[in-house]
Amino acid sequence: MRVTLIFYELVRDAAENDKSFSVAGVLRKLGISTSGYYNWRKRCESHSKARKKRIMDEIKTIHKASHMVYGAPKITHVLNEKGIAVSQRTVSVYMREMGIKARYIQPRTRTTINSDFSSTLHNLLKREFNPEHPNAVWCTDITHIWTADEGFVYLTCVMDLYSRKIVAWELSRTMEAEEVLRSVRKAKERRDLEDVLVLHSDRGAQFVCGKYQELTADIKTSYSRKGNPWDNACIESFHALIKRECLKHHRIQNYEEAYQLVFEYIETFYNTVRIHSHCDYRSPNDYEKQYELQKSLFN
């Protein structure tokens, strides 16, 4: 029986790859019943259809749970983690059939005010975005969020480049340095900074002012080259991400509504649930926990 099934599969594959393939002729030469083959095909197709439906249902569930931000690579990873063996190509095909796709990242509009500070601001990071442990390199930046009632409000984030975790964030009604720099102050309070930390930013006025210099006196400050946003690409990418995956899908009325959306996205999804290819398909929190576990095993 097993040999017959193998022949069935070989004949089926040959017929699917070559439309001129004579199924009946080959079956006669093999001494296999044509009716038996077609009965097997019917049963096989029913099984395949049922499996396809199950996988499609799983894809829809995973896509919805990800706030509709996961594409085929991440959905394939989650399916495989659940024990469902399926290729990324198959997932892509099923997603197209269902009209499901990851939300598109819209180009980011820069609003940071670049200062004409002295050329003594150095780029220590040099686009080395993958430190070997947490709290080695942070980066920070400001982006704007439009509200219907209050105009722009401003989101400042501090990211740990090891895990891409948002260590601290601040939503302010103005771009005054005191309000913006609260995020850096929060980050320092939340982390145990044993090693010398590098904090990278662009040359916005808030990051070169005296208050910033005082706040970062115990930190090595690094700056993007003038007019070169790619030097701070990771935090720029995050700000594009939160807009694509969350903010642009709401008509935000005021500061309070913007704050709630940012809080929910960062604290209950991005840091804690959303898997990242950079983090070996873990969340930033889980990636840092894995580091601490490995560190404890070798100490």
C-alpha atoms as a PDB file:
ATOM      1  CA  MET A   1       0.000   0.000   0.000  1.00  0.00           C
ATOM      2  CA  ARG A   2       2.826   2.390   0.876  1.00  0.00           C
ATOM      3  CA  VAL A   3       4.515   1.758  -2.490  1.00  0.00           C
ATOM      4  CA  THR A   4       1.215   2.507  -4.246  1.00  0.00           C
ATOM      5  CA  LEU A   5       0.891   5.821  -2.382  1.00  0.00           C
ATOM      6  CA  ILE A   6       4.409   6.760  -3.417  1.00  0.00           C
ATOM      7  CA  PHE A   7       3.503   6.057  -7.068  1.00  0.00           C
ATOM      8  CA  TYR A   8       0.315   8.107  -6.637  1.00  0.00           C
ATOM      9  CA  GLU A   9       2.358  11.071  -5.387  1.00  0.00           C
ATOM     10  CA  LEU A  10       4.915  10.758  -8.187  1.00  0.00           C
ATOM     11  CA  VAL A  11       2.197  10.610 -10.832  1.00  0.00           C
ATOM     12  CA  ARG A  12       0.364  13.573  -9.290  1.00  0.00           C
ATOM     13  CA  ASP A  13       3.528  15.701  -9.160  1.00  0.00           C
ATOM     14  CA  ALA A  14       4.424  14.823 -12.743  1.00  0.00           C
ATOM     15  CA  ALA A  15       0.912  15.682 -13.953  1.00  0.00           C
ATOM     16  CA  GLU A  16       0.975  19.045 -12.144  1.00  0.00           C
ATOM     17  CA  ASN A  17       4.341  19.961 -13.653  1.00  0.00           C
ATOM     18  CA  ASP A  18       3.597  18.740 -17.212  1.00  0.00           C
ATOM     19  CA  LYS A  19       0.122  19.277 -18.634  1.00  0.00           C
ATOM     20  CA  SER A  20       0.848  16.830 -21.476  1.00  0.00           C
ATOM     21  CA  PHE A  21       1.646  14.030 -19.031  1.00  0.00           C
ATOM     22  CA  SER A  22      -0.507  10.914 -19.620  1.00  0.00           C
ATOM     23  CA  VAL A  23      -1.764   9.823 -16.217  1.00  0.00           C
ATOM     24  CA  ALA A  24      -3.780   6.874 -17.524  1.00  0.00           C
ATOM     25  CA  GLY A  25      -0.914   5.596 -19.685  1.00  0.00           C
ATOM     26  CA  VAL A  26       1.600   5.661 -16.832  1.00  0.00           C
ATOM     27  CA  LEU A  27      -0.848   4.014 -14.428  1.00  0.00           C
ATOM     28  CA  ARG A  28      -1.433   1.171 -16.887  1.00  0.00           C
ATOM     29  CA  LYS A  29       2.298   0.575 -17.212  1.00  0.00           C
ATOM     30  CA  LEU A  30       2.606   0.549 -13.409  1.00  0.00           C
ATOM     31  CA  GLY A  31      -0.320  -1.849 -13.121  1.00  0.00           C
ATOM     32  CA  ILE A  32      -2.217   0.569 -10.873  1.00  0.00           C
ATOM     33  CA  SER A  33      -5.974   1.117 -10.985  1.00  0.00           C
ATOM     34  CA  THR A  34      -6.912   4.458 -12.552  1.00  0.00           C
ATOM     35  CA  SER A  35     -10.084   4.666 -10.435  1.00  0.00           C
ATOM     36  CA  GLY A  36      -8.049   4.022  -7.292  1.00  0.00           C
ATOM     37  CA  TYR A  37      -5.692   6.870  -8.195  1.00  0.00           C
ATOM     38  CA  TYR A  38      -8.521   9.359  -8.777  1.00  0.00           C
ATOM     39  CA  ASN A  39     -10.285   8.295  -5.561  1.00  0.00           C
ATOM     40  CA  TRP A  40      -7.016   8.959  -3.737  1.00  0.00           C
ATOM     41  CA  ARG A  41      -6.732  12.367  -5.417  1.00  0.00           C
ATOM     42  CA  LYS A  42     -10.202  13.320  -4.228  1.00  0.00           C
ATOM     43  CA  ARG A  43      -9.404  12.310  -0.657  1.00  0.00           C
ATOM     44  CA  CYS A  44      -6.041  14.066  -0.873  1.00  0.00           C
ATOM     45  CA  GLU A  45      -7.601  17.271  -2.190  1.00  0.00           C
ATOM     46  CA  SER A  46     -10.148  17.265   0.623  1.00  0.00           C
ATOM     47  CA  HIS A  47      -7.340  16.943   3.159  1.00  0.00           C
ATOM     48  CA  SER A  48      -5.343  19.691   1.438  1.00  0.00           C
ATOM     49  CA  LYS A  49      -8.337  22.026   1.340  1.00  0.00           C
ATOM     50  CA  ALA A  50      -9.033  21.443   5.025  1.00  0.00           C
ATOM     51  CA  ARG A  51      -5.384  22.121   5.893  1.00  0.00           C
ATOM     52  CA  LYS A  52      -5.347  25.252   3.732  1.00  0.00           C
ATOM     53  CA  LYS A  53      -8.452  26.548   5.499  1.00  0.00           C
ATOM     54  CA  ARG A  54      -6.882  25.894   8.920  1.00  0.00           C
ATOM     55  CA  ILE A  55      -3.700  27.717   7.922  1.00  0.00           C
ATOM     56  CA  MET A  56      -5.662  30.629   6.459  1.00  0.00           C
ATOM     57  CA  ASP A  57      -7.648  30.933   9.694  1.00  0.00           C
ATOM     58  CA  GLU A  58      -4.384  30.947  11.670  1.00  0.00           C
ATOM     59  CA  ILE A  59      -2.931  33.601   9.358  1.00  0.00           C
ATOM     60  CA  LYS A  60      -5.968  35.838   9.886  1.00  0.00           C
ATOM     61  CA  THR A  61      -5.746  35.358  13.669  1.00  0.00           C
ATOM     62  CA  ILE A  62      -2.007  36.130  13.801  1.00  0.00           C
ATOM     63  CA  HIS A  63      -2.370  39.117  11.469  1.00  0.00           C
ATOM     64  CA  LYS A  64      -5.185  40.580  13.565  1.00  0.00           C
ATOM     65  CA  ALA A  65      -3.333  39.973  16.849  1.00  0.00           C
ATOM     66  CA  SER A  66      -0.308  41.818  15.429  1.00  0.00           C
ATOM     67  CA  HIS A  67      -2.436  44.925  14.836  1.00  0.00           C
ATOM     68  CA  MET A  68      -2.275  43.952  11.138  1.00  0.00           C
ATOM     69  CA  VAL A  69       1.443  44.783  10.971  1.00  0.00           C
ATOM     70  CA  TYR A  70       2.997  41.344  10.401  1.00  0.00           C
ATOM     71  CA  GLY A  71       3.887  40.346   6.861  1.00  0.00           C
ATOM     72  CA  ALA A  72       4.591  36.856   5.519  1.00  0.00           C
ATOM     73  CA  PRO A  73       8.034  36.388   7.180  1.00  0.00           C
ATOM     74  CA  LYS A  74       6.803  37.054  10.718  1.00  0.00           C
ATOM     75  CA  ILE A  75       3.526  35.179  10.238  1.00  0.00           C
ATOM     76  CA  THR A  76       5.464  32.188   8.878  1.00  0.00           C
ATOM     77  CA  HIS A  77       7.715  32.277  11.939  1.00  0.00           C
ATOM     78  CA  VAL A  78       4.742  32.328  14.316  1.00  0.00           C
ATOM     79  CA  LEU A  79       3.064  29.454  12.449  1.00  0.00           C
ATOM     80  CA  ASN A  80       6.239  27.378  12.608  1.00  0.00           C
ATOM     81  CA  GLU A  81       6.571  28.154  16.326  1.00  0.00           C
ATOM     82  CA  LYS A  82       3.052  26.742  16.741  1.00  0.00           C
ATOM     83  CA  GLY A  83       4.151  23.537  15.050  1.00  0.00           C
ATOM     84  CA  ILE A  84       2.488  24.291  11.714  1.00  0.00           C
ATOM     85  CA  ALA A  85       4.989  23.427   8.977  1.00  0.00           C
ATOM     86  CA  VAL A  86       4.464  25.887   6.141  1.00  0.00           C
ATOM     87  CA  SER A  87       6.780  27.887   3.883  1.00  0.00           C
ATOM     88  CA  GLN A  88       6.943  31.662   3.613  1.00  0.00           C
ATOM     89  CA  ARG A  89       6.016  31.376  -0.072  1.00  0.00           C
ATOM     90  CA  THR A  90       2.813  29.493   0.798  1.00  0.00           C
ATOM     91  CA  VAL A  91       1.925  32.054   3.457  1.00  0.00           C
ATOM     92  CA  SER A  92       2.485  34.847   0.908  1.00  0.00           C
ATOM     93  CA  VAL A  93       0.169  33.128  -1.581  1.00  0.00           C
ATOM     94  CA  TYR A  94      -2.562  32.597   1.034  1.00  0.00           C
ATOM     95  CA  MET A  95      -2.283  36.208   2.203  1.00  0.00           C
ATOM     96  CA  ARG A  96      -2.707  37.472  -1.349  1.00  0.00           C
ATOM     97  CA  GLU A  97      -5.752  35.240  -1.801  1.00  0.00           C
ATOM     98  CA  MET A  98      -7.304  36.707   1.357  1.00  0.00           C
ATOM     99  CA  GLY A  99      -6.281  40.280   0.557  1.00  0.00           C
ATOM    100  CA  ILE A 100      -4.143  40.501   3.699  1.00  0.00           C
ATOM    101  CA  LYS A 101      -0.895  42.466   3.813  1.00  0.00           C
ATOM    102  CA  ALA A 102       1.309  44.285   6.270  1.00  0.00           C
ATOM    103  CA  ARG A 103       0.615  47.966   6.677  1.00  0.00           C
ATOM    104  CA  TYR A 104       2.765  50.135   4.459  1.00  0.00           C
ATOM    105  CA  ILE A 105       5.366  52.434   5.998  1.00  0.00           C
ATOM    106  CA  GLN A 106       4.758  55.959   4.770  1.00  0.00           C
ATOM    107  CA  PRO A 107       7.765  58.232   4.311  1.00  0.00           C
ATOM    108  CA  ARG A 108       8.633  60.155   7.449  1.00  0.00           C
ATOM    109  CA  THR A 109       8.453  63.940   7.484  1.00  0.00           C
ATOM    110  CA  ARG A 110      11.256  65.434   9.549  1.00  0.00           C
ATOM    111  CA  THR A 111      10.335  68.129  12.053  1.00  0.00           C
ATOM    112  CA  THR A 112      13.486  68.298  14.176  1.00  0.00           C
ATOM    113  CA  ILE A 113      15.042  71.733  14.141  1.00  0.00           C
ATOM    114  CA  ASN A 114      18.699  71.358  13.225  1.00  0.00           C
ATOM    115  CA  SER A 115      20.959  73.754  15.053  1.00  0.00           C
ATOM    116  CA  ASP A 116      24.112  75.315  13.677  1.00  0.00           C
ATOM    117  CA  PHE A 117      26.101  74.038  16.638  1.00  0.00           C
ATOM    118  CA  SER A 118      29.840  73.743  16.342  1.00  0.00           C
ATOM    119  CA  SER A 119      31.523  71.047  14.285  1.00  0.00           C
ATOM    120  CA  THR A 120      32.956  69.584  17.495  1.00  0.00           C
ATOM    121  CA  LEU A 121      29.924  67.269  17.710  1.00  0.00           C
ATOM    122  CA  HIS A 122      31.276  63.845  16.809  1.00  0.00           C
ATOM    123  CA  ASN A 123      29.601  60.735  15.464  1.00  0.00           C
ATOM    124  CA  LEU A 124      30.824  58.002  17.826  1.00  0.00           C
ATOM    125  CA  LEU A 125      28.186  55.516  16.686  1.00  0.00           C
ATOM    126  CA  LYS A 126      29.215  55.461  13.007  1.00  0.00           C
ATOM    127  CA  ARG A 127      26.165  53.384  12.113  1.00  0.00           C
ATOM    128  CA  GLU A 128      27.254  50.447  14.275  1.00  0.00           C
ATOM    129  CA  PHE A 129      23.699  49.605  15.276  1.00  0.00           C
ATOM    130  CA  ASN A 130      24.264  46.199  16.915  1.00  0.00           C
ATOM    131  CA  PRO A 131      25.976  46.443  20.321  1.00  0.00           C
ATOM    132  CA  GLU A 132      26.759  43.209  22.140  1.00  0.00           C
ATOM    133  CA  HIS A 133      24.814  43.923  25.333  1.00  0.00           C
ATOM    134  CA  PRO A 134      22.055  46.178  26.721  1.00  0.00           C
ATOM    135  CA  ASN A 135      22.850  49.709  27.891  1.00  0.00           C
ATOM    136  CA  ALA A 136      25.883  50.011  25.629  1.00  0.00           C
ATOM    137  CA  VAL A 137      24.303  52.352  23.089  1.00  0.00           C
ATOM    138  CA  TRP A 138      21.049  54.300  23.228  1.00  0.00           C
ATOM    139  CA  CYS A 139      19.612  56.584  20.602  1.00  0.00           C
ATOM    140  CA  THR A 140      16.985  59.291  20.872  1.00  0.00           C
ATOM    141  CA  ASP A 141      14.913  61.465  18.570  1.00  0.00           C
ATOM    142  CA  ILE A 142      11.740  63.555  18.359  1.00  0.00           C
ATOM    143  CA  THR A 143       8.787  63.149  16.024  1.00  0.00           C
ATOM    144  CA  HIS A 144       5.456  64.941  15.688  1.00  0.00           C
ATOM    145  CA  ILE A 145       1.885  63.685  16.040  1.00  0.00           C
ATOM    146  CA  TRP A 146      -1.026  65.693  14.658  1.00  0.00           C
ATOM    147  CA  THR A 147      -4.143  66.186  16.794  1.00  0.00           C
ATOM    148  CA  ALA A 148      -7.365  67.767  15.562  1.00  0.00           C
ATOM    149  CA  ASP A 149      -7.910  70.030  18.588  1.00  0.00           C
ATOM    150  CA  GLU A 150      -4.389  70.956  19.689  1.00  0.00           C
ATOM    151  CA  GLY A 151      -2.236  70.776  16.570  1.00  0.00           C
ATOM    152  CA  PHE A 152       1.123  69.020  16.879  1.00  0.00           C
ATOM    153  CA  VAL A 153       2.261  67.186  19.984  1.00  0.00           C
ATOM    154  CA  TYR A 154       5.773  65.765  20.157  1.00  0.00           C
ATOM    155  CA  LEU A 155       6.987  62.253  20.959  1.00  0.00           C
ATOM    156  CA  THR A 156      10.547  61.793  22.196  1.00  0.00           C
ATOM    157  CA  CYS A 157      11.839  58.239  22.587  1.00  0.00           C
ATOM    158  CA  VAL A 158      15.009  56.647  23.917  1.00  0.00           C
ATOM    159  CA  MET A 159      15.851  53.273  22.353  1.00  0.00           C
ATOM    160  CA  ASP A 160      18.364  50.653  23.486  1.00  0.00           C
ATOM    161  CA  LEU A 161      20.034  49.518  20.276  1.00  0.00           C
ATOM    162  CA  TYR A 162      20.802  46.038  21.625  1.00  0.00           C
ATOM    163  CA  SER A 163      17.147  45.008  21.774  1.00  0.00           C
ATOM    164  CA  ARG A 164      15.493  47.950  19.973  1.00  0.00           C
ATOM    165  CA  LYS A 165      13.478  48.409  23.184  1.00  0.00           C
ATOM    166  CA  ILE A 166      11.998  51.823  23.930  1.00  0.00           C
ATOM    167  CA  VAL A 167      13.550  52.396  27.341  1.00  0.00           C
ATOM    168  CA  ALA A 168      11.669  55.648  27.940  1.00  0.00           C
ATOM    169  CA  TRP A 169       9.401  58.041  26.080  1.00  0.00           C
ATOM    170  CA  GLU A 170       7.776  61.405  26.635  1.00  0.00           C
ATOM    171  CA  LEU A 171       4.845  63.062  24.910  1.00  0.00           C
ATOM    172  CA  SER A 172       4.941  66.852  25.148  1.00  0.00           C
ATOM    173  CA  ARG A 173       2.869  69.744  23.879  1.00  0.00           C
ATOM    174  CA  THR A 174       5.954  71.746  22.932  1.00  0.00           C
ATOM    175  CA  MET A 175       9.497  71.067  21.749  1.00  0.00           C
ATOM    176  CA  GLU A 176      11.058  72.945  24.643  1.00  0.00           C
ATOM    177  CA  ALA A 177      14.212  71.235  25.864  1.00  0.00           C
ATOM    178  CA  GLU A 178      12.958  70.720  29.425  1.00  0.00           C
ATOM    179  CA  GLU A 179       9.953  68.720  28.249  1.00  0.00           C
ATOM    180  CA  VAL A 180      11.793  66.759  25.577  1.00  0.00           C
ATOM    181  CA  LEU A 181      14.654  65.780  27.896  1.00  0.00           C
ATOM    182  CA  ARG A 182      12.368  64.118  30.422  1.00  0.00           C
ATOM    183  CA  SER A 183      12.633  60.958  28.333  1.00  0.00           C
ATOM    184  CA  VAL A 184      16.424  60.854  28.799  1.00  0.00           C
ATOM    185  CA  ARG A 185      16.022  61.454  32.530  1.00  0.00           C
ATOM    186  CA  LYS A 186      13.489  58.613  32.762  1.00  0.00           C
ATOM    187  CA  ALA A 187      15.772  56.271  30.843  1.00  0.00           C
ATOM    188  CA  LYS A 188      18.681  56.925  33.188  1.00  0.00           C
ATOM    189  CA  GLU A 189      16.472  56.307  36.210  1.00  0.00           C
ATOM    190  CA  ARG A 190      15.163  53.006  34.829  1.00  0.00           C
ATOM    191  CA  ARG A 191      18.497  51.453  33.855  1.00  0.00           C
ATOM    192  CA  ASP A 192      21.522  50.376  35.868  1.00  0.00           C
ATOM    193  CA  LEU A 193      24.327  51.995  33.912  1.00  0.00           C
ATOM    194  CA  GLU A 194      27.456  50.099  34.908  1.00  0.00           C
ATOM    195  CA  ASP A 195      29.371  50.654  31.675  1.00  0.00           C
ATOM    196  CA  VAL A 196      30.080  53.898  29.885  1.00  0.00           C
ATOM    197  CA  LEU A 197      27.011  54.530  27.759  1.00  0.00           C
ATOM    198  CA  VAL A 198      26.878  56.131  24.330  1.00  0.00           C
ATOM    199  CA  LEU A 199      23.757  58.185  23.641  1.00  0.00           C
ATOM    200  CA  HIS A 200      23.262  59.077  19.991  1.00  0.00           C
ATOM    201  CA  SER A 201      20.994  61.818  18.624  1.00  0.00           C
ATOM    202  CA  ASP A 202      20.747  64.209  15.734  1.00  0.00           C
ATOM    203  CA  ARG A 203      21.883  67.825  16.051  1.00  0.00           C
ATOM    204  CA  GLY A 204      18.494  69.189  17.031  1.00  0.00           C
ATOM    205  CA  ALA A 205      18.591  72.215  19.293  1.00  0.00           C
ATOM    206  CA  GLN A 206      17.245  70.209  22.245  1.00  0.00           C
ATOM    207  CA  PHE A 207      20.222  67.800  22.078  1.00  0.00           C
ATOM    208  CA  VAL A 208      22.999  70.370  21.978  1.00  0.00           C
ATOM    209  CA  CYS A 209      21.687  72.840  24.554  1.00  0.00           C
ATOM    210  CA  GLY A 210      23.200  73.366  27.973  1.00  0.00           C
ATOM    211  CA  LYS A 211      20.478  71.380  29.776  1.00  0.00           C
ATOM    212  CA  TYR A 212      21.205  68.343  27.615  1.00  0.00           C
ATOM    213  CA  GLN A 213      24.938  68.646  28.242  1.00  0.00           C
ATOM    214  CA  GLU A 214      24.327  68.718  32.000  1.00  0.00           C
ATOM    215  CA  LEU A 215      21.960  65.759  31.872  1.00  0.00           C
ATOM    216  CA  THR A 216      24.404  63.668  29.859  1.00  0.00           C
ATOM    217  CA  ALA A 217      27.596  64.668  31.676  1.00  0.00           C
ATOM    218  CA  ASP A 218      28.166  61.019  32.682  1.00  0.00           C
ATOM    219  CA  ILE A 219      27.395  59.705  29.189  1.00  0.00           C
ATOM    220  CA  LYS A 220      29.297  59.771  25.911  1.00  0.00           C
ATOM    221  CA  THR A 221      27.176  61.806  23.509  1.00  0.00           C
ATOM    222  CA  SER A 222      27.219  61.010  19.831  1.00  0.00           C
ATOM    223  CA  TYR A 223      25.659  63.022  16.997  1.00  0.00           C
ATOM    224  CA  SER A 224      24.536  62.339  13.461  1.00  0.00           C
ATOM    225  CA  ARG A 225      26.347  64.189  10.760  1.00  0.00           C
ATOM    226  CA  LYS A 226      24.513  67.308   9.666  1.00  0.00           C
ATOM    227  CA  GLY A 227      21.664  66.524   7.278  1.00  0.00           C
ATOM    228  CA  ASN A 228      22.269  62.768   7.496  1.00  0.00           C
ATOM    229  CA  PRO A 229      19.238  61.033   9.088  1.00  0.00           C
ATOM    230  CA  TRP A 230      20.564  57.553   8.278  1.00  0.00           C
ATOM    231  CA  ASP A 231      23.099  57.982  11.089  1.00  0.00           C
ATOM    232  CA  ASN A 232      20.143  57.612  13.469  1.00  0.00           C
ATOM    233  CA  ALA A 233      18.208  55.147  11.334  1.00  0.00           C
ATOM    234  CA  CYS A 234      16.931  52.824  14.091  1.00  0.00           C
ATOM    235  CA  ILE A 235      14.992  55.413  16.082  1.00  0.00           C
ATOM    236  CA  GLU A 236      13.833  57.077  12.845  1.00  0.00           C
ATOM    237  CA  SER A 237      12.528  53.679  11.754  1.00  0.00           C
ATOM    238  CA  PHE A 238      10.677  53.210  15.048  1.00  0.00           C
ATOM    239  CA  HIS A 239       8.917  56.551  14.708  1.00  0.00           C
ATOM    240  CA  ALA A 240       7.843  55.588  11.182  1.00  0.00           C
ATOM    241  CA  LEU A 241       6.691  52.248  12.579  1.00  0.00           C
ATOM    242  CA  ILE A 242       4.472  53.619  15.356  1.00  0.00           C
ATOM    243  CA  LYS A 243       2.815  55.937  12.836  1.00  0.00           C
ATOM    244  CA  ARG A 244       2.279  53.182  10.291  1.00  0.00           C
ATOM    245  CA  GLU A 245       1.106  50.522  12.714  1.00  0.00           C
ATOM    246  CA  CYS A 246      -0.932  52.665  15.079  1.00  0.00           C
ATOM    247  CA  LEU A 247      -1.246  56.439  14.916  1.00  0.00           C
ATOM    248  CA  LYS A 248      -2.225  57.004  11.294  1.00  0.00           C
ATOM    249  CA  HIS A 249      -5.226  54.698  11.712  1.00  0.00           C
ATOM    250  CA  HIS A 250      -6.882  57.060  14.200  1.00  0.00           C
ATOM    251  CA  ARG A 251      -8.248  60.579  13.959  1.00  0.00           C
ATOM    252  CA  ILE A 252      -6.541  61.802  17.112  1.00  0.00           C
ATOM    253  CA  GLN A 253      -8.420  64.606  18.826  1.00  0.00           C
ATOM    254  CA  ASN A 254      -6.074  65.836  21.541  1.00  0.00           C
ATOM    255  CA  TYR A 255      -2.996  65.257  23.686  1.00  0.00           C
ATOM    256  CA  GLU A 256      -4.757  62.814  26.018  1.00  0.00           C
ATOM    257  CA  GLU A 257      -5.890  60.573  23.165  1.00  0.00           C
ATOM    258  CA  ALA A 258      -2.428  60.661  21.586  1.00  0.00           C
ATOM    259  CA  TYR A 259      -0.857  59.744  24.935  1.00  0.00           C
ATOM    260  CA  GLN A 260      -3.165  56.755  25.376  1.00  0.00           C
ATOM    261  CA  LEU A 261      -2.399  55.430  21.889  1.00  0.00           C
ATOM    262  CA  VAL A 262       1.359  55.814  22.353  1.00  0.00           C
ATOM    263  CA  PHE A 263       1.210  54.151  25.769  1.00  0.00           C
ATOM    264  CA  GLU A 264      -0.769  51.179  24.475  1.00  0.00           C
ATOM    265  CA  TYR A 265       1.454  50.700  21.445  1.00  0.00           C
ATOM    266  CA  ILE A 266       4.821  50.904  23.239  1.00  0.00           C
ATOM    267  CA  GLU A 267       4.027  49.377  26.610  1.00  0.00           C
ATOM    268  CA  THR A 268       1.504  46.674  25.709  1.00  0.00           C
ATOM    269  CA  PHE A 269       2.632  45.729  22.197  1.00  0.00           C
ATOM    270  CA  TYR A 270       5.979  46.930  20.835  1.00  0.00           C
ATOM    271  CA  ASN A 271       8.197  46.239  23.874  1.00  0.00           C
ATOM    272  CA  THR A 272       6.296  43.243  25.183  1.00  0.00           C
ATOM    273  CA  VAL A 273       4.600  41.332  22.342  1.00  0.00           C
ATOM    274  CA  ARG A 274       5.718  42.409  18.873  1.00  0.00           C
ATOM    275  CA  ILE A 275       8.378  40.076  17.480  1.00  0.00           C
ATOM    276  CA  HIS A 276      11.398  41.581  15.741  1.00  0.00           C
ATOM    277  CA  SER A 277      13.659  39.899  13.207  1.00  0.00           C
ATOM    278  CA  HIS A 278      16.561  41.743  14.869  1.00  0.00           C
ATOM    279  CA  CYS A 279      15.692  39.987  18.135  1.00  0.00           C
ATOM    280  CA  ASP A 280      15.595  36.495  16.591  1.00  0.00           C
ATOM    281  CA  TYR A 281      11.818  36.825  16.385  1.00  0.00           C
ATOM    282  CA  ARG A 282      11.380  37.692  20.055  1.00  0.00           C
ATOM    283  CA  SER A 283       9.988  40.827  21.619  1.00  0.00           C
ATOM    284  CA  PRO A 284      12.546  43.359  22.942  1.00  0.00           C
ATOM    285  CA  ASN A 285      11.683  42.401  26.527  1.00  0.00           C
ATOM    286  CA  ASP A 286      12.146  38.691  25.840  1.00  0.00           C
ATOM    287  CA  TYR A 287      15.380  39.355  23.964  1.00  0.00           C
ATOM    288  CA  GLU A 288      16.844  41.194  26.950  1.00  0.00           C
ATOM    289  CA  LYS A 289      15.632  38.455  29.332  1.00  0.00           C
ATOM    290  CA  GLN A 290      17.399  35.884  27.150  1.00  0.00           C
ATOM    291  CA  TYR A 291      20.604  37.923  27.404  1.00  0.00           C
ATOM    292  CA  GLU A 292      20.357  38.096  31.196  1.00  0.00           C
ATOM    293  CA  LEU A 293      19.697  34.345  31.393  1.00  0.00           C
ATOM    294  CA  GLN A 294      22.738  33.526  29.275  1.00  0.00           C
ATOM    295  CA  LYS A 295      24.846  35.977  31.275  1.00  0.00           C
ATOM    296  CA  SER A 296      23.833  34.299  34.558  1.00  0.00           C
ATOM    297  CA  LEU A 297      24.712  30.856  33.187  1.00  0.00           C
ATOM    298  CA  PHE A 298      28.254  31.902  32.339  1.00  0.00           C
ATOM    299  CA  ASN A 299      28.929  33.862  35.552  1.00  0.00           C
END
